[in-house]
Amino acid sequence: QSYTTKQTNENIAIIGNKIKLPKLGLVRFAKSREVEGRIVNATVRRNPSGRYFVSLLVETEVQELPKTHSYIGIDVGLKDFAILSNGTHYKNPNFFRSLEDKLAKAQRVLSRRMKGSSRWNKQRVKIARIHEYISNARKDYLDKISTEIIKNHDVIGIEDLQVSNMLKNHKLAKAISEVSWLQFRS
């Protein structure tokens, strides 16, 4: 659930810790960082756990990273998330496995609730928050690794895997899905 609006006649603006949006007016928000550049559009979305987010698209100058004149190859795996050709290992933190029992218990509780009731909705939100936590933790870990690799190397080669074919092996499917190789590549 989201809506996107374009910037026309300063209808999207940031005033202190509030954002001015068409249809909504001034809305207080947690400003995670200063907005630099000209605002092009804003997208307001609600995630399944009921939290609202606003994404601003801005025009800004991109500064190139300094040249390091180094190159690296990346091998991705299940035991170690990534192994670089220079010998650096990045461990696989298993975010889903660590919360799998908690998620299963919450889903069992949800199955006992009457669909559509307020307690069912509360439990649905709890499950959505667990999924959101897993997703955010995984994304943060991948962003940190990729940023470190990009800052230290000019040329990066990464192994090309047929993930959809690998997922057909039911013994490895959960582990392969959890490591998010595709998200790391992009």
N, C-alpha and C. Protein backbone atom coordinates (compact mmCIF):
# COMPACT_ATOMS: atom_id res chain seq x y z
N GLN A 1 0.84 -1.17 0.00
CA GLN A 1 0.00 0.00 0.00
C GLN A 1 0.88 1.23 0.00
N SER A 2 0.79 1.99 -1.08
CA SER A 2 1.62 3.19 -1.17
C SER A 2 1.00 4.17 -2.15
N TYR A 3 1.46 5.40 -2.05
CA TYR A 3 1.10 6.39 -3.07
C TYR A 3 2.30 7.29 -3.32
N THR A 4 2.46 7.68 -4.59
CA THR A 4 3.59 8.50 -5.01
C THR A 4 3.05 9.83 -5.52
N THR A 5 3.74 10.90 -5.16
CA THR A 5 3.34 12.23 -5.62
C THR A 5 4.56 12.97 -6.15
N LYS A 6 4.36 13.75 -7.21
CA LYS A 6 5.45 14.50 -7.82
C LYS A 6 5.57 15.87 -7.18
N GLN A 7 6.77 16.42 -7.26
CA GLN A 7 7.05 17.75 -6.73
C GLN A 7 6.58 18.80 -7.73
N THR A 8 5.58 19.61 -7.34
CA THR A 8 5.15 20.75 -8.16
C THR A 8 4.85 21.91 -7.22
N ASN A 9 5.37 23.07 -7.54
CA ASN A 9 5.13 24.29 -6.75
C ASN A 9 5.45 24.11 -5.26
N GLU A 10 6.56 23.46 -4.97
CA GLU A 10 6.99 23.27 -3.58
C GLU A 10 5.93 22.58 -2.72
N ASN A 11 5.19 21.61 -3.29
CA ASN A 11 4.19 20.91 -2.49
C ASN A 11 4.80 19.83 -1.60
N ILE A 12 6.07 19.48 -1.84
CA ILE A 12 6.80 18.57 -0.96
C ILE A 12 7.96 19.36 -0.38
N ALA A 13 7.99 19.49 0.94
CA ALA A 13 9.07 20.25 1.58
C ALA A 13 9.32 19.69 2.97
N ILE A 14 10.54 19.90 3.45
CA ILE A 14 10.88 19.49 4.81
C ILE A 14 11.05 20.75 5.64
N ILE A 15 10.25 20.83 6.72
CA ILE A 15 10.27 21.99 7.60
C ILE A 15 10.57 21.48 9.00
N GLY A 16 11.83 21.62 9.42
CA GLY A 16 12.22 21.11 10.74
C GLY A 16 12.14 19.59 10.76
N ASN A 17 11.34 19.06 11.72
CA ASN A 17 11.17 17.61 11.79
C ASN A 17 9.81 17.19 11.22
N LYS A 18 9.27 18.01 10.33
CA LYS A 18 8.00 17.70 9.67
C LYS A 18 8.20 17.72 8.16
N ILE A 19 7.40 16.92 7.49
CA ILE A 19 7.43 16.89 6.03
C ILE A 19 6.06 17.33 5.52
N LYS A 20 6.09 18.22 4.52
CA LYS A 20 4.85 18.71 3.93
C LYS A 20 4.54 17.86 2.70
N LEU A 21 3.39 17.21 2.72
CA LEU A 21 2.98 16.34 1.63
C LEU A 21 1.60 16.74 1.13
N PRO A 22 1.35 16.63 -0.18
CA PRO A 22 0.00 16.89 -0.67
C PRO A 22 -0.96 15.83 -0.14
N LYS A 23 -2.20 16.19 0.08
CA LYS A 23 -3.27 15.35 0.64
C LYS A 23 -3.15 15.18 2.16
N LEU A 24 -1.92 15.21 2.69
CA LEU A 24 -1.72 14.98 4.12
C LEU A 24 -1.35 16.23 4.89
N GLY A 25 -0.73 17.21 4.24
CA GLY A 25 -0.27 18.41 4.93
C GLY A 25 1.03 18.16 5.65
N LEU A 26 1.22 18.83 6.81
CA LEU A 26 2.44 18.65 7.59
C LEU A 26 2.33 17.38 8.44
N VAL A 27 3.34 16.52 8.32
CA VAL A 27 3.36 15.26 9.07
C VAL A 27 4.70 15.17 9.78
N ARG A 28 4.65 14.91 11.10
CA ARG A 28 5.89 14.75 11.87
C ARG A 28 6.53 13.42 11.47
N PHE A 29 7.86 13.42 11.32
CA PHE A 29 8.55 12.18 10.94
C PHE A 29 9.94 12.14 11.55
N ALA A 30 10.49 10.93 11.64
CA ALA A 30 11.84 10.74 12.17
C ALA A 30 12.80 10.97 11.02
N LYS A 31 13.47 12.10 11.04
CA LYS A 31 14.38 12.45 9.94
C LYS A 31 15.67 11.67 10.12
N SER A 32 15.84 10.61 9.30
CA SER A 32 17.02 9.76 9.44
C SER A 32 18.29 10.43 8.95
N ARG A 33 18.15 11.34 7.99
CA ARG A 33 19.31 12.09 7.50
C ARG A 33 18.84 13.36 6.81
N GLU A 34 19.76 14.30 6.64
CA GLU A 34 19.43 15.55 5.96
C GLU A 34 19.21 15.26 4.47
N VAL A 35 18.25 15.95 3.89
CA VAL A 35 17.96 15.78 2.46
C VAL A 35 18.78 16.82 1.70
N GLU A 36 19.66 16.33 0.83
CA GLU A 36 20.51 17.21 0.03
C GLU A 36 20.07 17.10 -1.42
N GLY A 37 19.87 18.21 -2.07
CA GLY A 37 19.46 18.20 -3.47
C GLY A 37 18.01 18.60 -3.63
N ARG A 38 17.56 18.59 -4.90
CA ARG A 38 16.19 18.99 -5.22
C ARG A 38 15.27 17.77 -5.16
N ILE A 39 14.17 17.89 -4.40
CA ILE A 39 13.21 16.79 -4.27
C ILE A 39 12.44 16.64 -5.57
N VAL A 40 12.39 15.42 -6.12
CA VAL A 40 11.67 15.13 -7.36
C VAL A 40 10.30 14.56 -7.06
N ASN A 41 10.24 13.54 -6.19
CA ASN A 41 8.95 13.00 -5.78
C ASN A 41 9.04 12.33 -4.41
N ALA A 42 7.90 11.98 -3.86
CA ALA A 42 7.83 11.32 -2.56
C ALA A 42 6.87 10.14 -2.65
N THR A 43 7.26 9.03 -2.04
CA THR A 43 6.40 7.84 -1.98
C THR A 43 6.14 7.52 -0.52
N VAL A 44 4.88 7.47 -0.15
CA VAL A 44 4.48 7.10 1.21
C VAL A 44 3.97 5.67 1.14
N ARG A 45 4.52 4.79 1.99
CA ARG A 45 4.06 3.41 1.98
C ARG A 45 3.87 2.89 3.40
N ARG A 46 3.00 1.91 3.53
CA ARG A 46 2.76 1.25 4.81
C ARG A 46 3.17 -0.20 4.67
N ASN A 47 3.99 -0.68 5.60
CA ASN A 47 4.40 -2.08 5.51
C ASN A 47 3.43 -2.96 6.30
N PRO A 48 3.52 -4.28 6.18
CA PRO A 48 2.55 -5.17 6.84
C PRO A 48 2.47 -5.03 8.36
N SER A 49 3.54 -4.55 8.99
CA SER A 49 3.51 -4.39 10.45
C SER A 49 2.85 -3.08 10.86
N GLY A 50 2.38 -2.28 9.90
CA GLY A 50 1.63 -1.07 10.21
C GLY A 50 2.46 0.19 10.30
N ARG A 51 3.75 0.11 9.99
CA ARG A 51 4.60 1.30 10.04
C ARG A 51 4.56 2.03 8.70
N TYR A 52 4.63 3.35 8.77
CA TYR A 52 4.61 4.18 7.56
C TYR A 52 6.01 4.69 7.27
N PHE A 53 6.36 4.74 5.98
CA PHE A 53 7.66 5.23 5.54
C PHE A 53 7.46 6.20 4.39
N VAL A 54 8.31 7.21 4.32
CA VAL A 54 8.30 8.10 3.16
C VAL A 54 9.68 8.02 2.51
N SER A 55 9.69 7.79 1.20
CA SER A 55 10.92 7.73 0.42
C SER A 55 10.96 8.94 -0.49
N LEU A 56 12.03 9.70 -0.40
CA LEU A 56 12.18 10.90 -1.23
C LEU A 56 13.19 10.62 -2.34
N LEU A 57 12.81 10.94 -3.57
CA LEU A 57 13.72 10.86 -4.70
C LEU A 57 14.26 12.26 -4.92
N VAL A 58 15.59 12.41 -4.84
CA VAL A 58 16.20 13.74 -5.00
C VAL A 58 17.25 13.72 -6.10
N GLU A 59 17.43 14.87 -6.74
CA GLU A 59 18.50 15.06 -7.73
C GLU A 59 19.70 15.62 -7.00
N THR A 60 20.83 14.94 -7.13
CA THR A 60 22.04 15.40 -6.45
C THR A 60 23.26 14.97 -7.26
N GLU A 61 24.38 15.61 -7.02
CA GLU A 61 25.63 15.26 -7.69
C GLU A 61 26.24 14.05 -6.99
N VAL A 62 26.65 13.06 -7.78
CA VAL A 62 27.28 11.86 -7.24
C VAL A 62 28.79 12.05 -7.29
N GLN A 63 29.44 11.87 -6.14
CA GLN A 63 30.89 12.01 -6.08
C GLN A 63 31.53 10.64 -6.27
N GLU A 64 32.50 10.57 -7.18
CA GLU A 64 33.16 9.30 -7.45
C GLU A 64 34.09 8.94 -6.31
N LEU A 65 34.19 7.62 -6.06
CA LEU A 65 35.11 7.13 -5.05
C LEU A 65 36.54 7.19 -5.59
N PRO A 66 37.53 7.39 -4.72
CA PRO A 66 38.91 7.42 -5.20
C PRO A 66 39.33 6.04 -5.74
N LYS A 67 40.19 6.04 -6.75
CA LYS A 67 40.66 4.79 -7.36
C LYS A 67 41.60 4.07 -6.40
N THR A 68 41.40 2.76 -6.25
CA THR A 68 42.27 1.96 -5.38
C THR A 68 43.20 1.06 -6.18
N HIS A 69 42.93 0.90 -7.49
CA HIS A 69 43.72 0.07 -8.39
C HIS A 69 43.86 -1.37 -7.88
N SER A 70 42.76 -1.90 -7.34
CA SER A 70 42.78 -3.29 -6.90
C SER A 70 41.53 -3.99 -7.43
N TYR A 71 41.65 -5.29 -7.61
CA TYR A 71 40.52 -6.08 -8.10
C TYR A 71 40.33 -7.29 -7.20
N ILE A 72 39.12 -7.82 -7.22
CA ILE A 72 38.78 -8.90 -6.29
C ILE A 72 37.76 -9.83 -6.94
N GLY A 73 37.81 -11.10 -6.57
CA GLY A 73 36.81 -12.09 -6.98
C GLY A 73 36.05 -12.55 -5.75
N ILE A 74 34.76 -12.79 -5.89
CA ILE A 74 33.93 -13.18 -4.75
C ILE A 74 33.30 -14.54 -5.03
N ASP A 75 33.46 -15.46 -4.07
CA ASP A 75 32.83 -16.78 -4.13
C ASP A 75 31.79 -16.82 -3.02
N VAL A 76 30.52 -17.03 -3.37
CA VAL A 76 29.47 -17.08 -2.35
C VAL A 76 29.17 -18.53 -1.99
N GLY A 77 28.78 -18.75 -0.74
CA GLY A 77 28.49 -20.10 -0.28
C GLY A 77 27.50 -20.11 0.85
N LEU A 78 27.28 -21.29 1.43
CA LEU A 78 26.32 -21.44 2.52
C LEU A 78 26.99 -21.39 3.88
N LYS A 79 28.16 -22.04 4.01
CA LYS A 79 28.85 -22.05 5.30
C LYS A 79 29.39 -20.65 5.61
N ASP A 80 30.18 -20.11 4.68
CA ASP A 80 30.61 -18.71 4.74
C ASP A 80 29.81 -17.98 3.68
N PHE A 81 29.29 -16.80 4.03
CA PHE A 81 28.46 -16.07 3.06
C PHE A 81 29.26 -15.73 1.82
N ALA A 82 30.45 -15.16 2.02
CA ALA A 82 31.30 -14.79 0.88
C ALA A 82 32.76 -14.98 1.25
N ILE A 83 33.53 -15.45 0.28
CA ILE A 83 34.97 -15.59 0.45
C ILE A 83 35.61 -14.81 -0.69
N LEU A 84 36.43 -13.83 -0.33
CA LEU A 84 37.10 -13.00 -1.34
C LEU A 84 38.38 -13.68 -1.80
N SER A 85 38.84 -13.33 -2.99
CA SER A 85 40.04 -13.95 -3.54
C SER A 85 41.30 -13.60 -2.75
N ASN A 86 41.23 -12.56 -1.91
CA ASN A 86 42.38 -12.23 -1.07
C ASN A 86 42.36 -12.98 0.26
N GLY A 87 41.37 -13.87 0.45
CA GLY A 87 41.31 -14.71 1.65
C GLY A 87 40.35 -14.23 2.72
N THR A 88 39.72 -13.09 2.54
CA THR A 88 38.77 -12.57 3.54
C THR A 88 37.50 -13.41 3.53
N HIS A 89 37.07 -13.81 4.72
CA HIS A 89 35.83 -14.59 4.87
C HIS A 89 34.77 -13.72 5.54
N TYR A 90 33.55 -13.77 5.02
CA TYR A 90 32.40 -13.12 5.67
C TYR A 90 31.47 -14.24 6.11
N LYS A 91 31.21 -14.32 7.40
CA LYS A 91 30.40 -15.42 7.91
C LYS A 91 28.93 -15.25 7.53
N ASN A 92 28.22 -16.36 7.56
CA ASN A 92 26.79 -16.35 7.27
C ASN A 92 26.05 -16.25 8.60
N PRO A 93 25.40 -15.12 8.90
CA PRO A 93 24.83 -14.91 10.24
C PRO A 93 23.53 -15.66 10.52
N ASN A 94 22.88 -16.28 9.52
CA ASN A 94 21.65 -17.06 9.73
C ASN A 94 20.59 -16.30 10.51
N PHE A 95 20.14 -15.19 9.98
CA PHE A 95 19.12 -14.38 10.66
C PHE A 95 17.80 -15.13 10.79
N PHE A 96 17.40 -15.86 9.74
CA PHE A 96 16.12 -16.57 9.78
C PHE A 96 16.17 -17.72 10.77
N ARG A 97 17.26 -18.49 10.74
CA ARG A 97 17.38 -19.66 11.63
C ARG A 97 17.34 -19.26 13.09
N SER A 98 17.89 -18.09 13.41
CA SER A 98 17.93 -17.65 14.81
C SER A 98 16.54 -17.31 15.33
N LEU A 99 15.62 -16.89 14.46
CA LEU A 99 14.27 -16.53 14.89
C LEU A 99 13.20 -17.50 14.38
N GLU A 100 13.63 -18.62 13.82
CA GLU A 100 12.69 -19.58 13.23
C GLU A 100 11.71 -20.14 14.26
N ASP A 101 12.21 -20.49 15.45
CA ASP A 101 11.34 -21.05 16.50
C ASP A 101 10.33 -20.01 16.98
N LYS A 102 10.79 -18.79 17.18
CA LYS A 102 9.89 -17.71 17.62
C LYS A 102 8.81 -17.45 16.58
N LEU A 103 9.19 -17.46 15.31
CA LEU A 103 8.24 -17.24 14.22
C LEU A 103 7.23 -18.38 14.15
N ALA A 104 7.70 -19.62 14.28
CA ALA A 104 6.80 -20.78 14.22
C ALA A 104 5.78 -20.74 15.36
N LYS A 105 6.24 -20.36 16.55
CA LYS A 105 5.33 -20.27 17.70
C LYS A 105 4.28 -19.19 17.46
N ALA A 106 4.71 -18.04 16.96
CA ALA A 106 3.78 -16.94 16.68
C ALA A 106 2.77 -17.33 15.61
N GLN A 107 3.20 -18.09 14.61
CA GLN A 107 2.30 -18.53 13.56
C GLN A 107 1.30 -19.57 14.07
N ARG A 108 1.74 -20.42 15.02
CA ARG A 108 0.81 -21.38 15.64
C ARG A 108 -0.27 -20.66 16.42
N VAL A 109 0.13 -19.61 17.15
CA VAL A 109 -0.84 -18.81 17.91
C VAL A 109 -1.84 -18.17 16.94
N LEU A 110 -1.34 -17.64 15.82
CA LEU A 110 -2.21 -17.00 14.83
C LEU A 110 -3.24 -18.00 14.27
N SER A 111 -2.81 -19.23 14.05
CA SER A 111 -3.72 -20.22 13.47
C SER A 111 -4.87 -20.56 14.42
N ARG A 112 -4.69 -20.30 15.72
CA ARG A 112 -5.76 -20.58 16.70
C ARG A 112 -6.71 -19.41 16.87
N ARG A 113 -6.35 -18.26 16.34
CA ARG A 113 -7.21 -17.08 16.47
C ARG A 113 -8.31 -17.10 15.41
N MET A 114 -9.42 -16.45 15.72
CA MET A 114 -10.51 -16.36 14.75
C MET A 114 -10.15 -15.29 13.72
N LYS A 115 -10.14 -15.69 12.46
CA LYS A 115 -9.71 -14.78 11.40
C LYS A 115 -10.58 -13.53 11.38
N GLY A 116 -9.92 -12.37 11.34
CA GLY A 116 -10.63 -11.09 11.29
C GLY A 116 -10.84 -10.45 12.65
N SER A 117 -10.59 -11.18 13.74
CA SER A 117 -10.78 -10.61 15.08
C SER A 117 -9.63 -9.68 15.42
N SER A 118 -9.81 -8.88 16.48
CA SER A 118 -8.76 -7.94 16.86
C SER A 118 -7.52 -8.68 17.37
N ARG A 119 -7.71 -9.81 18.06
CA ARG A 119 -6.56 -10.59 18.55
C ARG A 119 -5.82 -11.24 17.38
N TRP A 120 -6.57 -11.66 16.35
CA TRP A 120 -5.95 -12.22 15.15
C TRP A 120 -5.10 -11.15 14.47
N ASN A 121 -5.63 -9.93 14.40
CA ASN A 121 -4.91 -8.83 13.75
C ASN A 121 -3.65 -8.46 14.53
N LYS A 122 -3.75 -8.45 15.88
CA LYS A 122 -2.57 -8.17 16.72
C LYS A 122 -1.49 -9.21 16.47
N GLN A 123 -1.89 -10.47 16.39
CA GLN A 123 -0.93 -11.55 16.18
C GLN A 123 -0.33 -11.48 14.78
N ARG A 124 -1.13 -11.10 13.79
CA ARG A 124 -0.64 -10.93 12.42
C ARG A 124 0.45 -9.86 12.38
N VAL A 125 0.24 -8.78 13.13
CA VAL A 125 1.23 -7.70 13.20
C VAL A 125 2.51 -8.19 13.87
N LYS A 126 2.38 -9.03 14.92
CA LYS A 126 3.57 -9.59 15.59
C LYS A 126 4.41 -10.41 14.61
N ILE A 127 3.74 -11.22 13.82
CA ILE A 127 4.44 -12.05 12.83
C ILE A 127 5.10 -11.16 11.77
N ALA A 128 4.39 -10.13 11.34
CA ALA A 128 4.94 -9.20 10.35
C ALA A 128 6.19 -8.51 10.90
N ARG A 129 6.18 -8.18 12.20
CA ARG A 129 7.35 -7.53 12.82
C ARG A 129 8.55 -8.47 12.85
N ILE A 130 8.32 -9.75 13.11
CA ILE A 130 9.42 -10.72 13.12
C ILE A 130 10.02 -10.81 11.71
N HIS A 131 9.15 -10.93 10.70
CA HIS A 131 9.63 -10.98 9.31
C HIS A 131 10.38 -9.70 8.95
N GLU A 132 9.87 -8.56 9.41
CA GLU A 132 10.50 -7.27 9.13
C GLU A 132 11.88 -7.20 9.78
N TYR A 133 12.00 -7.69 11.02
CA TYR A 133 13.28 -7.68 11.72
C TYR A 133 14.30 -8.53 10.96
N ILE A 134 13.89 -9.73 10.53
CA ILE A 134 14.78 -10.62 9.79
C ILE A 134 15.24 -9.94 8.50
N SER A 135 14.29 -9.37 7.78
CA SER A 135 14.58 -8.71 6.51
C SER A 135 15.52 -7.52 6.69
N ASN A 136 15.24 -6.69 7.71
CA ASN A 136 16.08 -5.51 7.96
C ASN A 136 17.49 -5.89 8.37
N ALA A 137 17.61 -6.92 9.23
CA ALA A 137 18.93 -7.37 9.69
C ALA A 137 19.74 -7.90 8.51
N ARG A 138 19.10 -8.69 7.66
CA ARG A 138 19.79 -9.26 6.50
C ARG A 138 20.23 -8.15 5.55
N LYS A 139 19.34 -7.20 5.27
CA LYS A 139 19.65 -6.10 4.35
C LYS A 139 20.80 -5.25 4.89
N ASP A 140 20.78 -4.98 6.20
CA ASP A 140 21.84 -4.19 6.82
C ASP A 140 23.19 -4.90 6.68
N TYR A 141 23.21 -6.21 6.94
CA TYR A 141 24.44 -6.99 6.84
C TYR A 141 24.98 -6.97 5.41
N LEU A 142 24.09 -7.19 4.44
CA LEU A 142 24.51 -7.20 3.04
C LEU A 142 25.01 -5.82 2.59
N ASP A 143 24.33 -4.76 3.05
CA ASP A 143 24.76 -3.39 2.70
C ASP A 143 26.14 -3.09 3.26
N LYS A 144 26.40 -3.52 4.50
CA LYS A 144 27.71 -3.26 5.11
C LYS A 144 28.82 -4.00 4.37
N ILE A 145 28.58 -5.26 4.03
CA ILE A 145 29.59 -6.04 3.30
C ILE A 145 29.85 -5.42 1.93
N SER A 146 28.78 -5.14 1.18
CA SER A 146 28.95 -4.62 -0.18
C SER A 146 29.62 -3.25 -0.18
N THR A 147 29.28 -2.40 0.79
CA THR A 147 29.91 -1.08 0.88
C THR A 147 31.40 -1.21 1.15
N GLU A 148 31.77 -2.11 2.05
CA GLU A 148 33.19 -2.32 2.36
C GLU A 148 33.95 -2.82 1.13
N ILE A 149 33.37 -3.76 0.40
CA ILE A 149 34.03 -4.30 -0.79
C ILE A 149 34.16 -3.23 -1.88
N ILE A 150 33.10 -2.45 -2.09
CA ILE A 150 33.11 -1.42 -3.14
C ILE A 150 34.12 -0.32 -2.83
N LYS A 151 34.23 0.07 -1.56
CA LYS A 151 35.16 1.14 -1.20
C LYS A 151 36.61 0.71 -1.36
N ASN A 152 36.90 -0.58 -1.20
CA ASN A 152 38.28 -1.04 -1.22
C ASN A 152 38.75 -1.61 -2.55
N HIS A 153 37.83 -1.80 -3.52
CA HIS A 153 38.22 -2.43 -4.79
C HIS A 153 37.54 -1.74 -5.97
N ASP A 154 38.31 -1.62 -7.08
CA ASP A 154 37.77 -1.00 -8.29
C ASP A 154 37.02 -2.00 -9.16
N VAL A 155 37.60 -3.18 -9.35
CA VAL A 155 36.99 -4.21 -10.20
C VAL A 155 36.57 -5.38 -9.33
N ILE A 156 35.30 -5.79 -9.48
CA ILE A 156 34.76 -6.87 -8.65
C ILE A 156 34.16 -7.93 -9.56
N GLY A 157 34.61 -9.17 -9.39
CA GLY A 157 34.04 -10.31 -10.13
C GLY A 157 33.31 -11.19 -9.15
N ILE A 158 32.07 -11.57 -9.49
CA ILE A 158 31.28 -12.40 -8.58
C ILE A 158 30.78 -13.63 -9.32
N GLU A 159 30.73 -14.73 -8.60
CA GLU A 159 30.30 -16.01 -9.15
C GLU A 159 28.84 -15.92 -9.63
N ASP A 160 28.58 -16.47 -10.81
CA ASP A 160 27.22 -16.46 -11.37
C ASP A 160 26.57 -17.81 -11.08
N LEU A 161 25.54 -17.79 -10.24
CA LEU A 161 24.87 -19.03 -9.83
C LEU A 161 23.45 -19.09 -10.37
N GLN A 162 23.00 -20.27 -10.71
CA GLN A 162 21.61 -20.50 -11.12
C GLN A 162 20.81 -20.84 -9.87
N VAL A 163 20.43 -19.80 -9.13
CA VAL A 163 19.77 -19.98 -7.83
C VAL A 163 18.45 -20.72 -7.97
N SER A 164 17.68 -20.41 -9.01
CA SER A 164 16.37 -21.06 -9.18
C SER A 164 16.52 -22.57 -9.34
N ASN A 165 17.58 -23.01 -10.02
CA ASN A 165 17.83 -24.45 -10.16
C ASN A 165 18.30 -25.05 -8.84
N MET A 166 19.11 -24.30 -8.10
CA MET A 166 19.62 -24.80 -6.82
C MET A 166 18.50 -24.95 -5.79
N LEU A 167 17.46 -24.11 -5.90
CA LEU A 167 16.35 -24.16 -4.95
C LEU A 167 15.50 -25.42 -5.12
N LYS A 168 15.67 -26.13 -6.22
CA LYS A 168 14.92 -27.37 -6.45
C LYS A 168 15.40 -28.49 -5.53
N ASN A 169 16.60 -28.36 -4.98
CA ASN A 169 17.09 -29.33 -4.00
C ASN A 169 16.46 -28.99 -2.65
N HIS A 170 15.46 -29.78 -2.23
CA HIS A 170 14.69 -29.44 -1.03
C HIS A 170 15.51 -29.47 0.24
N LYS A 171 16.66 -30.13 0.22
CA LYS A 171 17.50 -30.19 1.43
C LYS A 171 18.28 -28.89 1.64
N LEU A 172 18.52 -28.17 0.55
CA LEU A 172 19.30 -26.93 0.65
C LEU A 172 18.47 -25.68 0.41
N ALA A 173 17.21 -25.83 0.03
CA ALA A 173 16.39 -24.69 -0.39
C ALA A 173 16.28 -23.61 0.67
N LYS A 174 16.04 -24.00 1.93
CA LYS A 174 15.88 -23.01 3.00
C LYS A 174 17.18 -22.24 3.23
N ALA A 175 18.30 -22.96 3.26
CA ALA A 175 19.60 -22.33 3.48
C ALA A 175 19.96 -21.38 2.33
N ILE A 176 19.65 -21.79 1.10
CA ILE A 176 19.95 -20.96 -0.07
C ILE A 176 19.08 -19.70 -0.06
N SER A 177 17.80 -19.87 0.28
CA SER A 177 16.89 -18.71 0.33
C SER A 177 17.34 -17.72 1.39
N GLU A 178 17.85 -18.24 2.50
CA GLU A 178 18.22 -17.37 3.62
C GLU A 178 19.42 -16.49 3.33
N VAL A 179 20.38 -16.97 2.53
CA VAL A 179 21.60 -16.19 2.32
C VAL A 179 21.43 -15.01 1.38
N SER A 180 20.39 -14.98 0.57
CA SER A 180 20.06 -13.83 -0.31
C SER A 180 21.21 -13.42 -1.22
N TRP A 181 21.69 -14.37 -2.02
CA TRP A 181 22.76 -14.06 -2.95
C TRP A 181 22.34 -13.02 -3.98
N LEU A 182 21.11 -13.12 -4.45
CA LEU A 182 20.63 -12.18 -5.48
C LEU A 182 20.58 -10.75 -4.96
N GLN A 183 20.13 -10.60 -3.71
CA GLN A 183 20.08 -9.27 -3.10
C GLN A 183 21.49 -8.70 -2.95
N PHE A 184 22.46 -9.55 -2.65
CA PHE A 184 23.86 -9.13 -2.52
C PHE A 184 24.41 -8.68 -3.86
N ARG A 185 24.08 -9.39 -4.94
CA ARG A 185 24.57 -9.04 -6.28
C ARG A 185 24.05 -7.69 -6.73
N SER A 186 22.78 -7.41 -6.42
CA SER A 186 22.19 -6.16 -6.89
C SER A 186 22.48 -5.06 -5.89
